[in-house]
N, C-alpha and C. Protein backbone atom coordinates (compact mmCIF):
# COMPACT_ATOMS: atom_id res chain seq x y z
N MET A 1 -0.30 30.58 59.27
CA MET A 1 -1.36 30.20 58.62
C MET A 1 -2.09 29.15 58.87
N ASN A 2 -3.56 29.30 59.26
CA ASN A 2 -4.21 28.66 59.71
C ASN A 2 -4.58 27.39 58.72
N ARG A 3 -4.36 25.88 59.23
CA ARG A 3 -4.51 24.73 58.17
C ARG A 3 -5.58 24.63 57.59
N THR A 4 -6.86 24.94 57.88
CA THR A 4 -8.30 24.93 57.37
C THR A 4 -8.33 26.12 56.08
N LEU A 5 -7.39 27.43 56.43
CA LEU A 5 -7.78 28.37 55.11
C LEU A 5 -6.61 27.74 53.77
N ILE A 6 -6.04 27.00 54.43
CA ILE A 6 -4.79 26.25 53.31
C ILE A 6 -5.26 25.41 52.38
N PHE A 7 -6.83 24.79 53.18
CA PHE A 7 -7.67 23.97 52.10
C PHE A 7 -8.85 24.46 52.05
N THR A 8 -8.88 25.46 51.74
CA THR A 8 -10.33 26.31 51.37
C THR A 8 -9.86 26.51 49.87
N LEU A 9 -9.40 26.18 49.16
CA LEU A 9 -8.73 26.42 47.83
C LEU A 9 -10.15 25.64 46.66
N VAL A 10 -10.64 26.57 46.10
CA VAL A 10 -11.65 26.04 45.31
C VAL A 10 -11.26 25.39 44.40
N PHE A 11 -10.71 25.36 43.78
CA PHE A 11 -10.09 24.69 42.23
C PHE A 11 -9.03 25.07 42.16
N THR A 12 -8.18 23.78 41.27
CA THR A 12 -6.72 24.69 40.75
C THR A 12 -7.04 24.41 39.22
N LEU A 13 -6.38 25.22 38.82
CA LEU A 13 -6.20 25.43 37.78
C LEU A 13 -5.35 24.20 37.14
N ALA A 14 -5.63 23.73 36.14
CA ALA A 14 -5.47 22.08 35.37
C ALA A 14 -4.23 22.88 33.94
N THR A 15 -3.89 21.80 33.75
CA THR A 15 -2.76 22.61 32.36
C THR A 15 -3.76 22.95 31.30
N SER A 16 -4.99 22.31 31.04
CA SER A 16 -5.54 23.11 30.00
C SER A 16 -6.34 24.15 30.39
N ALA A 17 -5.66 25.00 31.53
CA ALA A 17 -6.56 26.28 31.96
C ALA A 17 -6.77 27.24 30.51
N VAL A 18 -8.21 27.79 30.56
CA VAL A 18 -8.34 28.76 30.27
C VAL A 18 -8.31 30.05 30.28
N ALA A 19 -7.97 31.22 30.17
CA ALA A 19 -8.02 32.57 30.28
C ALA A 19 -9.33 32.72 31.34
N ALA A 20 -10.69 32.50 31.03
CA ALA A 20 -11.40 33.00 31.95
C ALA A 20 -11.43 31.90 33.66
N ASP A 21 -10.58 31.19 33.22
CA ASP A 21 -10.69 30.52 35.13
C ASP A 21 -9.52 31.53 35.83
N LEU A 22 -8.68 32.31 34.83
CA LEU A 22 -7.61 32.89 35.54
C LEU A 22 -8.18 34.41 36.40
N HIS A 23 -9.69 34.51 35.97
CA HIS A 23 -10.21 35.92 36.74
C HIS A 23 -10.37 35.90 38.21
N GLY A 24 -9.19 36.56 38.72
CA GLY A 24 -9.16 36.49 40.43
C GLY A 24 -8.52 35.38 40.75
N ALA A 25 -7.55 35.12 40.30
CA ALA A 25 -6.38 34.27 40.27
C ALA A 25 -5.34 35.20 41.65
N VAL A 26 -4.50 34.05 42.07
CA VAL A 26 -3.83 34.40 43.19
C VAL A 26 -2.47 34.12 42.75
N LEU A 27 -1.59 34.92 43.01
CA LEU A 27 -0.04 34.63 42.73
C LEU A 27 0.57 34.25 44.05
N ILE A 28 1.22 33.35 44.19
CA ILE A 28 1.78 32.99 45.73
C ILE A 28 3.74 32.58 45.27
N GLY A 29 4.82 33.18 46.03
CA GLY A 29 5.86 32.91 45.32
C GLY A 29 5.96 31.42 46.21
N ALA A 30 7.17 30.66 45.54
CA ALA A 30 7.52 29.41 46.12
C ALA A 30 7.95 29.62 47.54
N ASP A 31 8.06 30.60 48.23
CA ASP A 31 8.26 30.70 49.38
C ASP A 31 7.30 31.11 50.44
N GLY A 32 5.99 31.09 49.55
CA GLY A 32 4.60 31.32 50.78
C GLY A 32 4.55 32.78 50.16
N THR A 33 5.16 33.14 49.98
CA THR A 33 5.12 35.16 49.78
C THR A 33 3.83 35.60 48.45
N PHE A 34 2.96 36.27 49.00
CA PHE A 34 1.30 36.72 48.10
C PHE A 34 2.26 37.80 47.34
N LEU A 35 2.08 37.46 45.95
CA LEU A 35 2.61 38.46 44.93
C LEU A 35 1.24 39.25 43.93
N GLY A 36 0.17 39.30 44.71
CA GLY A 36 -0.80 39.68 44.07
C GLY A 36 -1.88 39.11 42.98
N THR A 37 -2.88 39.85 42.95
CA THR A 37 -3.91 38.73 42.31
C THR A 37 -3.98 38.82 40.35
N CYS A 38 -5.34 38.63 39.86
CA CYS A 38 -5.26 38.87 38.81
C CYS A 38 -6.44 39.13 38.23
N ASP A 39 -6.68 40.82 38.59
CA ASP A 39 -8.21 41.37 38.95
C ASP A 39 -7.97 43.15 37.72
N GLY A 40 -7.55 43.03 37.15
CA GLY A 40 -7.69 44.43 35.85
C GLY A 40 -6.31 45.35 36.28
N ILE A 41 -6.32 46.46 35.86
CA ILE A 41 -5.40 47.15 35.91
C ILE A 41 -5.62 48.08 37.20
N TYR A 42 -6.79 48.08 37.44
CA TYR A 42 -6.91 49.00 38.83
C TYR A 42 -7.52 48.26 40.21
N GLY A 43 -7.01 46.98 39.97
CA GLY A 43 -7.16 46.46 41.49
C GLY A 43 -6.18 46.64 42.21
N ALA A 44 -6.62 46.60 43.62
CA ALA A 44 -5.52 46.96 44.37
C ALA A 44 -4.56 45.99 44.68
N THR A 45 -4.37 45.02 44.52
CA THR A 45 -3.62 44.20 44.30
C THR A 45 -3.31 43.41 43.04
N SER A 46 -3.54 43.96 42.13
CA SER A 46 -3.23 43.24 40.66
C SER A 46 -2.10 43.39 40.26
N ILE A 47 -1.63 42.57 39.95
CA ILE A 47 -0.42 42.45 39.27
C ILE A 47 -0.10 43.42 37.93
N THR A 48 -0.94 44.00 37.44
CA THR A 48 -1.00 44.81 36.46
C THR A 48 -1.27 45.98 36.85
N ASN A 49 -1.65 46.31 38.01
CA ASN A 49 -1.77 47.87 38.72
C ASN A 49 -0.50 48.19 38.81
N THR A 50 -0.03 49.42 38.01
CA THR A 50 1.62 49.98 38.66
C THR A 50 1.41 50.84 39.83
N ALA A 51 0.67 50.71 40.68
CA ALA A 51 0.46 51.44 41.37
C ALA A 51 0.42 50.82 42.78
N SER A 52 0.20 49.11 42.62
CA SER A 52 0.43 47.98 43.35
C SER A 52 1.71 47.77 43.58
N PRO A 53 1.85 47.20 45.01
CA PRO A 53 3.08 46.56 45.24
C PRO A 53 3.64 45.22 44.62
N TYR A 54 2.40 44.83 43.75
CA TYR A 54 2.45 44.20 42.89
C TYR A 54 2.65 43.95 41.33
N GLY A 55 2.09 44.89 41.15
CA GLY A 55 2.43 45.56 39.78
C GLY A 55 3.45 46.75 39.10
N ASN A 56 4.32 47.30 40.40
CA ASN A 56 5.07 48.06 40.06
C ASN A 56 6.55 47.29 39.80
N LEU A 57 6.94 48.10 39.05
CA LEU A 57 8.16 47.33 38.44
C LEU A 57 9.57 47.28 39.26
N SER A 58 9.02 48.52 40.22
CA SER A 58 10.59 48.63 41.12
C SER A 58 10.21 47.92 42.29
N SER A 59 9.00 47.01 42.92
CA SER A 59 8.61 46.43 43.96
C SER A 59 9.41 45.40 44.17
N LYS A 60 10.00 44.94 45.56
CA LYS A 60 9.84 43.71 45.62
C LYS A 60 8.80 42.60 45.50
N THR A 61 7.69 42.90 45.41
CA THR A 61 6.60 41.58 45.67
C THR A 61 6.39 41.65 44.03
N SER A 62 7.14 41.92 43.32
CA SER A 62 6.43 41.80 41.67
C SER A 62 7.07 41.12 40.86
N ILE A 63 6.37 40.35 40.31
CA ILE A 63 7.23 39.30 39.16
C ILE A 63 7.76 40.03 38.35
N PHE A 64 7.22 41.25 37.95
CA PHE A 64 7.84 42.33 36.63
C PHE A 64 8.85 42.87 36.95
N ASN A 65 9.65 43.09 38.10
CA ASN A 65 10.49 43.55 38.72
C ASN A 65 11.82 42.83 38.15
N THR A 66 12.66 43.35 37.37
CA THR A 66 13.63 42.26 36.77
C THR A 66 14.97 42.40 37.44
N HIS A 67 14.98 43.24 38.76
CA HIS A 67 16.10 43.06 39.70
C HIS A 67 15.15 42.24 41.00
N GLY A 68 14.24 41.93 41.08
CA GLY A 68 13.68 41.11 42.36
C GLY A 68 13.43 39.64 42.44
N PRO A 69 13.85 39.56 43.59
CA PRO A 69 13.45 37.74 43.92
C PRO A 69 12.61 36.93 42.68
N TYR A 70 11.54 37.27 42.38
CA TYR A 70 10.40 36.91 41.40
C TYR A 70 10.46 37.56 40.17
N GLY A 71 11.07 38.62 39.82
CA GLY A 71 11.11 38.96 38.73
C GLY A 71 12.19 38.81 37.43
N SER A 72 13.81 38.73 38.63
CA SER A 72 15.06 38.41 37.61
C SER A 72 15.40 37.68 36.91
N SER A 73 16.18 37.50 36.06
CA SER A 73 16.38 36.03 35.37
C SER A 73 17.51 35.25 36.40
N ASP A 74 17.89 35.69 37.32
CA ASP A 74 18.24 34.83 37.95
C ASP A 74 17.52 34.82 39.78
N GLY A 75 16.89 35.25 40.16
CA GLY A 75 16.19 35.34 41.47
C GLY A 75 15.71 33.91 41.66
N PRO A 76 16.06 33.49 43.01
CA PRO A 76 15.52 32.44 43.44
C PRO A 76 14.18 31.81 43.01
N TYR A 77 13.43 32.74 43.37
CA TYR A 77 11.72 32.12 43.10
C TYR A 77 11.03 33.28 41.36
N SER A 78 12.18 33.24 41.05
CA SER A 78 11.26 34.25 39.90
C SER A 78 10.79 33.43 38.62
N ALA A 79 9.67 34.16 37.83
CA ALA A 79 8.96 33.59 36.86
C ALA A 79 9.63 33.57 35.73
N PHE A 80 10.76 34.03 35.82
CA PHE A 80 11.90 34.63 34.93
C PHE A 80 13.25 34.08 34.65
N LYS A 81 13.55 32.83 35.44
CA LYS A 81 14.59 32.34 35.13
C LYS A 81 14.49 30.74 34.54
N GLN A 82 15.45 30.65 33.73
CA GLN A 82 15.57 29.61 33.22
C GLN A 82 16.42 28.52 34.08
N GLY A 83 16.30 27.62 33.33
CA GLY A 83 17.28 26.35 34.22
C GLY A 83 16.42 25.88 35.38
N LEU A 84 17.27 25.40 36.58
CA LEU A 84 16.04 24.68 37.91
C LEU A 84 15.54 25.94 38.36
N VAL A 85 14.41 25.81 38.52
CA VAL A 85 13.46 27.08 38.76
C VAL A 85 12.34 26.44 39.61
N GLN A 86 12.17 27.43 40.82
CA GLN A 86 11.17 27.36 41.85
C GLN A 86 10.11 28.83 41.56
N PRO A 87 9.58 28.76 40.31
CA PRO A 87 8.53 29.88 39.72
C PRO A 87 7.41 30.08 40.68
N PRO A 88 6.51 31.06 40.73
CA PRO A 88 5.62 31.05 41.50
C PRO A 88 4.22 30.36 41.49
N TYR A 89 3.13 30.28 41.75
CA TYR A 89 2.27 29.69 41.79
C TYR A 89 1.04 30.51 41.27
N VAL A 90 -0.25 30.17 40.65
CA VAL A 90 -1.08 30.76 40.28
C VAL A 90 -2.28 29.90 40.56
N VAL A 91 -3.31 30.59 41.32
CA VAL A 91 -4.50 29.75 42.13
C VAL A 91 -5.66 30.21 42.13
N ARG A 92 -6.73 29.80 41.96
CA ARG A 92 -7.93 30.28 42.76
C ARG A 92 -8.03 29.94 43.89
N VAL A 93 -8.79 31.26 44.77
CA VAL A 93 -9.22 30.80 46.38
C VAL A 93 -10.54 31.38 46.56
N ASP A 94 -10.92 30.98 47.29
CA ASP A 94 -12.00 31.98 48.05
C ASP A 94 -11.52 32.59 49.20
N PRO A 95 -12.85 33.39 49.01
CA PRO A 95 -12.38 34.87 49.58
C PRO A 95 -11.82 35.26 50.75
N GLU A 96 -12.11 34.24 51.82
CA GLU A 96 -11.63 34.00 52.90
C GLU A 96 -10.28 34.06 52.91
N PHE A 97 -9.62 32.85 52.61
CA PHE A 97 -8.30 32.90 51.57
C PHE A 97 -7.58 34.06 51.37
N LEU A 98 -8.29 34.53 50.59
CA LEU A 98 -7.67 35.79 49.84
C LEU A 98 -7.73 36.82 51.00
N THR A 99 -8.77 36.99 51.90
CA THR A 99 -8.58 37.87 53.22
C THR A 99 -7.20 37.83 53.98
N ALA A 100 -7.20 36.72 53.94
CA ALA A 100 -6.29 36.39 55.05
C ALA A 100 -4.79 36.39 54.40
N ILE A 101 -4.81 35.91 53.27
CA ILE A 101 -3.13 36.08 52.48
C ILE A 101 -3.01 37.42 52.10
N THR A 102 -4.04 38.29 52.50
CA THR A 102 -3.49 39.93 51.91
C THR A 102 -3.71 40.50 53.10
N SER A 103 -3.79 39.89 54.68
CA SER A 103 -3.90 40.67 55.43
C SER A 103 -2.16 41.06 55.61
N PRO A 104 -1.99 42.31 56.48
CA PRO A 104 -1.13 42.93 57.00
C PRO A 104 -0.34 41.94 58.02
N ASP A 105 -0.83 41.31 58.67
CA ASP A 105 -0.50 40.40 59.54
C ASP A 105 0.18 38.58 58.52
N TYR A 106 -0.25 38.89 57.61
CA TYR A 106 0.18 37.65 56.92
C TYR A 106 1.68 37.41 56.86
N ARG A 107 2.47 36.22 56.80
CA ARG A 107 3.98 35.98 56.85
C ARG A 107 4.03 34.73 55.97
N PRO A 108 4.58 34.18 55.02
CA PRO A 108 4.58 33.24 54.42
C PRO A 108 4.99 32.15 55.19
N ASP A 109 4.26 31.26 54.69
CA ASP A 109 4.23 30.07 55.60
C ASP A 109 4.26 28.56 54.29
N PHE A 110 5.80 28.06 55.13
CA PHE A 110 5.81 26.77 53.95
C PHE A 110 4.97 25.95 53.71
N SER A 111 4.03 25.19 54.94
CA SER A 111 2.96 24.35 54.87
C SER A 111 1.97 24.93 53.51
N LEU A 112 1.80 25.96 53.40
CA LEU A 112 0.97 26.33 52.13
C LEU A 112 1.56 26.09 50.39
N VAL A 113 3.13 26.44 50.95
CA VAL A 113 3.85 26.03 49.63
C VAL A 113 3.84 24.31 49.36
N GLN A 114 3.53 23.55 50.52
CA GLN A 114 3.62 22.05 50.51
C GLN A 114 2.31 21.71 49.92
N SER A 115 1.44 22.35 50.20
CA SER A 115 -0.28 21.78 49.88
C SER A 115 -0.13 22.77 48.30
N LEU A 116 0.38 23.72 47.95
CA LEU A 116 0.15 23.65 46.48
C LEU A 116 1.28 23.02 45.59
N GLU A 117 2.00 22.03 46.07
CA GLU A 117 3.16 21.82 45.57
C GLU A 117 2.18 20.18 45.26
N ALA A 118 1.76 19.74 46.55
CA ALA A 118 0.96 18.89 46.21
C ALA A 118 -0.13 18.51 45.27
N TYR A 119 -0.89 19.75 45.29
CA TYR A 119 -1.82 19.58 44.19
C TYR A 119 -1.54 20.13 42.54
N SER A 120 -0.50 20.10 42.15
CA SER A 120 0.00 20.64 40.97
C SER A 120 -0.33 21.57 40.39
N ILE A 121 -0.13 22.33 41.19
CA ILE A 121 -0.87 23.93 40.82
C ILE A 121 0.00 24.48 39.35
N ASN A 122 -0.68 25.36 38.93
CA ASN A 122 0.30 26.24 38.05
C ASN A 122 1.01 26.61 38.43
N ARG A 123 2.14 26.77 37.44
CA ARG A 123 3.41 27.67 38.02
C ARG A 123 3.76 28.92 36.70
N VAL A 124 4.25 29.93 37.39
CA VAL A 124 4.11 30.74 36.09
C VAL A 124 5.52 31.45 36.08
N THR A 125 5.88 30.85 34.56
CA THR A 125 7.26 30.88 34.44
C THR A 125 7.30 30.73 32.81
N ILE A 126 8.42 31.26 32.19
CA ILE A 126 8.94 31.24 31.02
C ILE A 126 9.81 29.85 30.75
N ASN A 127 10.09 29.06 32.07
CA ASN A 127 10.61 27.52 31.29
C ASN A 127 9.30 26.86 31.32
N GLY A 128 9.88 26.31 29.66
CA GLY A 128 8.60 25.57 29.08
C GLY A 128 8.75 23.97 29.76
N THR A 129 9.67 24.11 30.12
CA THR A 129 10.26 22.61 31.18
C THR A 129 9.55 22.10 32.25
N VAL A 130 8.84 23.09 32.86
CA VAL A 130 8.25 23.15 34.19
C VAL A 130 6.89 22.88 33.57
N SER A 131 6.37 21.89 34.69
CA SER A 131 5.06 21.35 34.48
C SER A 131 4.25 22.24 34.77
N TYR A 132 2.54 22.16 34.07
CA TYR A 132 1.51 23.37 34.32
C TYR A 132 2.24 24.86 34.37
N ALA A 133 3.13 25.00 33.56
CA ALA A 133 3.78 26.46 33.06
C ALA A 133 2.74 27.14 32.37
N ILE A 134 2.35 28.67 33.42
CA ILE A 134 1.86 29.47 31.84
C ILE A 134 2.93 30.56 32.08
N ASN A 135 3.19 31.31 31.19
CA ASN A 135 3.97 32.58 30.68
C ASN A 135 3.53 33.48 31.53
N PRO A 136 4.70 34.15 32.19
CA PRO A 136 4.19 35.27 32.69
C PRO A 136 3.58 36.62 31.58
N ASN A 137 4.35 36.68 30.75
CA ASN A 137 3.80 37.27 30.25
C ASN A 137 2.30 37.47 29.69
N GLU A 138 1.94 36.50 29.02
CA GLU A 138 0.32 36.32 28.87
C GLU A 138 -0.36 36.33 30.09
N LEU A 139 -0.12 36.11 31.29
CA LEU A 139 -0.56 36.50 32.49
C LEU A 139 -0.91 37.87 32.57
N ARG A 140 -0.01 38.30 32.31
CA ARG A 140 -0.13 39.87 32.56
C ARG A 140 -1.08 40.82 31.61
N ASP A 141 -1.37 40.13 30.36
CA ASP A 141 -1.70 40.30 29.21
C ASP A 141 -3.66 40.40 29.07
N PHE A 142 -3.85 38.79 30.19
CA PHE A 142 -4.68 38.48 30.42
C PHE A 142 -5.32 39.52 31.52
N CYS A 143 -4.39 39.41 32.51
CA CYS A 143 -4.75 39.70 33.97
C CYS A 143 -5.29 41.56 33.56
N ALA A 144 -4.57 42.17 32.63
CA ALA A 144 -5.02 43.43 32.45
C ALA A 144 -6.56 43.67 32.14
N ASN A 145 -7.04 42.81 31.36
CA ASN A 145 -8.11 43.15 30.83
C ASN A 145 -9.06 41.74 31.18
N PRO A 146 -9.34 41.22 32.29
CA PRO A 146 -9.77 39.87 32.57
C PRO A 146 -11.45 39.67 32.20
């Protein structure tokens, strides 16, 4: 991924993020995988659209797949894992970045993850010991009706 795009994050969500800040946010796995957006139940890439690869409970890219790497209780990058975790990030991005990360040509990029870590971006996790944590169930409820 182009390093310029990595730094086009419009703003990060602070620990006191309010629901309105999450409309249009993007979820990115700790391995750099695009995991969907927060844009209603009909959004093509929404985590609440059960027809999308990011909201479908059987999809490997859904944080709500209880058997997948991002949603199981023991997945390496899961939002639902307790203990030592590397949960997904949730961040607001500009349109150019969103286009790049949703492109079929996008491949997970470790430099993107390093940038997110450096900026203390909110994490999506049930683990209350993680700094900047947003509960995935609360996120789903908001994203369904932003």
